Amino acid sequence: MKVRLFAILREIAGTDYIIINDKNNENEIINEIINKVPKLKEYLIKNGKINEKYKILINKDEVYILPPFTGG
């Protein structure tokens, strides 16, 4: 399963994507990502739960983690 990272997450990970084993739900996906790149925990977990600011989209073998969007 390919996890695509954008914006600050990509900068911290130093890559556009991370390959993980197939997972059944968002929690398993996030835990695997944090195991591979521990520095991402600060952004992906808030108060012990998945940070709602980040949107996780799952499309078959790819996962997209989208940061909060800003603009005007």
C-alpha atoms as a PDB file:
ATOM      1  CA  MET A   1       0.000   0.000   0.000  1.00  0.00           C
ATOM      2  CA  LYS A   2       1.435   3.387  -1.012  1.00  0.00           C
ATOM      3  CA  VAL A   3       0.827   6.319   1.344  1.00  0.00           C
ATOM      4  CA  ARG A   4       1.223   9.673  -0.412  1.00  0.00           C
ATOM      5  CA  LEU A   5       2.348  12.606   1.730  1.00  0.00           C
ATOM      6  CA  PHE A   6       1.875  16.295   1.001  1.00  0.00           C
ATOM      7  CA  ALA A   7       3.183  19.651   2.271  1.00  0.00           C
ATOM      8  CA  ILE A   8       4.782  19.571   5.747  1.00  0.00           C
ATOM      9  CA  LEU A   9       4.398  15.787   6.065  1.00  0.00           C
ATOM     10  CA  ARG A  10       6.408  15.282   2.870  1.00  0.00           C
ATOM     11  CA  GLU A  11       9.097  17.681   4.112  1.00  0.00           C
ATOM     12  CA  ILE A  12       9.443  15.882   7.444  1.00  0.00           C
ATOM     13  CA  ALA A  13       9.462  12.398   5.906  1.00  0.00           C
ATOM     14  CA  GLY A  14      11.875  13.483   3.181  1.00  0.00           C
ATOM     15  CA  THR A  15       9.828  11.639   0.569  1.00  0.00           C
ATOM     16  CA  ASP A  16       6.575  11.909  -1.396  1.00  0.00           C
ATOM     17  CA  TYR A  17       5.322   8.529  -0.258  1.00  0.00           C
ATOM     18  CA  ILE A  18       5.814   5.651   2.160  1.00  0.00           C
ATOM     19  CA  ILE A  19       5.149   1.997   1.386  1.00  0.00           C
ATOM     20  CA  ILE A  20       3.315   0.075   4.121  1.00  0.00           C
ATOM     21  CA  ASN A  21       1.682  -3.340   4.379  1.00  0.00           C
ATOM     22  CA  ASP A  22      -2.036  -3.444   3.600  1.00  0.00           C
ATOM     23  CA  LYS A  23      -4.089  -2.221   6.546  1.00  0.00           C
ATOM     24  CA  ASN A  24      -7.788  -2.429   7.372  1.00  0.00           C
ATOM     25  CA  ASN A  25      -8.477   1.006   8.819  1.00  0.00           C
ATOM     26  CA  GLU A  26      -7.152   4.518   9.391  1.00  0.00           C
ATOM     27  CA  ASN A  27      -5.731   3.754  12.837  1.00  0.00           C
ATOM     28  CA  GLU A  28      -3.629   0.873  11.507  1.00  0.00           C
ATOM     29  CA  ILE A  29      -2.432   3.037   8.610  1.00  0.00           C
ATOM     30  CA  ILE A  30      -1.426   5.918  10.894  1.00  0.00           C
ATOM     31  CA  ASN A  31       0.339   3.586  13.344  1.00  0.00           C
ATOM     32  CA  GLU A  32       2.368   2.027  10.521  1.00  0.00           C
ATOM     33  CA  ILE A  33       3.324   5.468   9.174  1.00  0.00           C
ATOM     34  CA  ILE A  34       4.453   6.591  12.631  1.00  0.00           C
ATOM     35  CA  ASN A  35       6.491   3.394  13.034  1.00  0.00           C
ATOM     36  CA  LYS A  36       8.321   4.217   9.791  1.00  0.00           C
ATOM     37  CA  VAL A  37       8.666   7.989  10.402  1.00  0.00           C
ATOM     38  CA  PRO A  38       8.272   8.713  14.147  1.00  0.00           C
ATOM     39  CA  LYS A  39       8.552  12.495  13.651  1.00  0.00           C
ATOM     40  CA  LEU A  40       5.148  12.480  11.911  1.00  0.00           C
ATOM     41  CA  LYS A  41       3.382  11.541  15.150  1.00  0.00           C
ATOM     42  CA  GLU A  42       3.463  15.165  16.291  1.00  0.00           C
ATOM     43  CA  TYR A  43       1.297  16.093  13.298  1.00  0.00           C
ATOM     44  CA  LEU A  44      -0.893  13.020  12.833  1.00  0.00           C
ATOM     45  CA  ILE A  45      -1.891  12.357  16.456  1.00  0.00           C
ATOM     46  CA  LYS A  46      -3.618  14.853  18.735  1.00  0.00           C
ATOM     47  CA  ASN A  47      -4.769  13.955  22.247  1.00  0.00           C
ATOM     48  CA  GLY A  48      -4.271  10.267  21.494  1.00  0.00           C
ATOM     49  CA  LYS A  49      -6.482  10.311  18.384  1.00  0.00           C
ATOM     50  CA  ILE A  50      -5.972  10.916  14.685  1.00  0.00           C
ATOM     51  CA  ASN A  51      -5.662  14.663  14.139  1.00  0.00           C
ATOM     52  CA  GLU A  52      -8.912  15.703  12.447  1.00  0.00           C
ATOM     53  CA  LYS A  53      -7.138  18.518  10.586  1.00  0.00           C
ATOM     54  CA  TYR A  54      -5.581  15.917   8.280  1.00  0.00           C
ATOM     55  CA  LYS A  55      -7.847  14.158   5.795  1.00  0.00           C
ATOM     56  CA  ILE A  56      -7.099  10.529   5.056  1.00  0.00           C
ATOM     57  CA  LEU A  57      -8.399   9.263   1.728  1.00  0.00           C
ATOM     58  CA  ILE A  58      -8.133   5.560   0.942  1.00  0.00           C
ATOM     59  CA  ASN A  59      -8.367   4.474  -2.709  1.00  0.00           C
ATOM     60  CA  LYS A  60      -7.654   0.750  -3.179  1.00  0.00           C
ATOM     61  CA  ASP A  61      -3.839   0.418  -2.861  1.00  0.00           C
ATOM     62  CA  GLU A  62      -3.146   4.108  -2.249  1.00  0.00           C
ATOM     63  CA  VAL A  63      -3.704   6.332   0.751  1.00  0.00           C
ATOM     64  CA  TYR A  64      -3.550  10.129   0.591  1.00  0.00           C
ATOM     65  CA  ILE A  65      -2.928  12.192   3.710  1.00  0.00           C
ATOM     66  CA  LEU A  66      -3.949  15.753   3.003  1.00  0.00           C
ATOM     67  CA  PRO A  67      -2.929  18.614   5.294  1.00  0.00           C
ATOM     68  CA  PRO A  68      -5.257  21.433   6.292  1.00  0.00           C
ATOM     69  CA  PHE A  69      -5.747  23.820   3.396  1.00  0.00           C
ATOM     70  CA  THR A  70      -5.462  27.566   3.833  1.00  0.00           C
ATOM     71  CA  GLY A  71      -5.838  30.406   1.476  1.00  0.00           C
ATOM     72  CA  GLY A  72      -7.998  33.275   0.599  1.00  0.00           C
END
